[in-house]
Protein backbone atom coordinates (compact mmCIF):
# COMPACT_ATOMS: atom_id res chain seq x y z
CA UNK A 1 -3.09 62.43 81.63
CA UNK A 2 -1.36 65.53 80.25
CA UNK A 3 -3.00 67.02 77.16
CA UNK A 4 -2.68 69.91 74.73
CA UNK A 5 -5.33 71.84 72.83
CA UNK A 6 -5.64 71.96 69.05
CA UNK A 7 -4.43 75.59 69.16
CA UNK A 8 -1.29 74.53 71.04
CA UNK A 9 -0.67 71.61 68.68
CA UNK A 10 -0.99 73.86 65.64
CA UNK A 11 1.43 76.42 67.08
CA UNK A 12 3.94 73.72 68.05
CA UNK A 13 3.85 72.36 64.48
CA UNK A 14 4.27 75.87 63.09
CA UNK A 15 7.20 76.60 65.44
CA UNK A 16 8.90 73.33 64.44
CA UNK A 17 8.61 74.22 60.76
CA UNK A 18 9.86 77.78 61.32
CA UNK A 19 12.74 76.65 63.54
CA UNK A 20 13.87 73.71 61.45
CA UNK A 21 13.11 71.24 64.23
CA UNK A 22 10.56 69.06 62.43
CA UNK A 23 11.07 65.48 63.60
CA UNK A 24 12.27 66.44 67.07
CA UNK A 25 10.13 65.83 70.14
CA UNK A 26 8.70 68.52 72.39
CA UNK A 27 10.36 68.34 75.79
CA UNK A 28 8.36 69.58 78.78
CA UNK A 29 9.71 70.14 82.27
CA UNK A 30 7.98 71.28 85.44
CA UNK A 31 9.29 72.17 88.87
CA UNK A 32 7.48 73.20 92.04
CA UNK A 33 8.47 76.54 93.57
CA UNK A 34 8.41 77.23 97.31
CA UNK A 35 5.06 79.03 97.06
CA UNK A 36 3.42 75.99 95.42
CA UNK A 37 3.32 77.47 91.94
CA UNK A 38 4.90 75.57 89.08
CA UNK A 39 7.56 76.68 86.60
CA UNK A 40 7.21 75.26 83.10
CA UNK A 41 9.90 74.86 80.47
CA UNK A 42 9.53 73.57 76.94
CA UNK A 43 11.58 73.21 73.79
CA UNK A 44 12.42 70.87 70.94
CA UNK A 45 14.90 68.16 71.83
CA UNK A 46 16.05 64.59 71.25
CA UNK A 47 14.42 61.90 73.38
CA UNK A 48 16.48 59.81 75.81
CA UNK A 49 15.92 56.29 77.12
CA UNK A 50 14.91 57.69 80.54
CA UNK A 51 12.17 59.94 79.15
CA UNK A 52 8.48 59.33 79.61
CA UNK A 53 6.85 59.59 76.18
CA UNK A 54 3.33 60.42 75.11
CA UNK A 55 1.52 61.69 72.04
CA UNK A 56 -1.14 64.39 72.28
CA UNK A 57 -2.94 65.82 69.23
CA UNK A 58 -0.23 64.33 67.02
CA UNK A 59 2.63 65.95 68.97
CA UNK A 60 5.27 63.63 70.45
CA UNK A 61 6.05 64.85 73.96
CA UNK A 62 8.78 63.72 76.34
CA UNK A 63 9.51 64.56 79.95
CA UNK A 64 11.77 63.31 82.69
CA UNK A 65 10.00 61.08 85.23
CA UNK A 66 10.28 63.78 87.94
CA UNK A 67 8.04 66.13 85.92
CA UNK A 68 5.24 63.61 85.36
CA UNK A 69 3.43 64.08 88.71
CA UNK A 70 3.43 67.87 88.25
CA UNK A 71 2.00 67.63 84.72
CA UNK A 72 -0.38 64.68 85.21
CA UNK A 73 -3.70 66.55 84.81
CA UNK A 74 -2.41 69.71 83.12
CA UNK A 75 -3.52 71.05 79.75
CA UNK A 76 -1.31 73.26 77.61
CA UNK A 77 -3.06 75.84 75.44
CA UNK A 78 -2.01 78.63 73.08
CA UNK A 79 -4.08 81.75 73.67
CA UNK A 80 -4.18 85.46 72.96
CA UNK A 81 -3.73 87.12 76.38
CA UNK A 82 -3.92 90.68 75.01
CA UNK A 83 -4.38 91.99 71.48
CA UNK A 84 -1.56 90.44 69.45
CA UNK A 85 0.10 88.83 72.50
CA UNK A 86 -0.12 85.04 72.10
CA UNK A 87 1.36 82.68 74.70
CA UNK A 88 1.43 79.07 75.74
CA UNK A 89 -0.34 78.66 79.06
CA UNK A 90 -0.77 75.69 81.38
CA UNK A 91 -4.02 74.93 83.16
CA UNK A 92 -2.87 72.73 86.01
CA UNK A 93 -4.76 71.74 89.19
CA UNK A 94 -1.40 70.92 90.83
CA UNK A 95 -0.39 74.60 90.63
CA UNK A 96 -1.16 76.73 93.71
CA UNK A 97 -2.32 79.53 91.37
CA UNK A 98 -4.74 77.27 89.47
CA UNK A 99 -8.20 78.63 88.91
CA UNK A 100 -10.66 76.30 87.15
CA UNK A 101 -11.99 77.67 83.85
CA UNK A 102 -15.47 79.13 83.96
CA UNK A 103 -18.11 78.87 81.28
CA UNK A 104 -18.90 82.12 79.47
């Protein structure tokens, strides 16, 4: 089951408030590239009847059925990659570049 971290949920809520998209769903899309890595897209949108819907950490998420297998066990996080450089990242065992997290 796809999931998001509390940090990601908080940033999504903040972005919705800043962008005037409160009440819209978060749309996720994933596609497999030739090298086995996965491209991810996300944005606020309106849901359609064909969408797969789920709620994670209070965030309503939709995706087209074709994206579901690529996002099944993924986790989206919001992290600081470098000082002051925050990004959404996906930890996804389906991605050829996946490296399991290690305990510090």
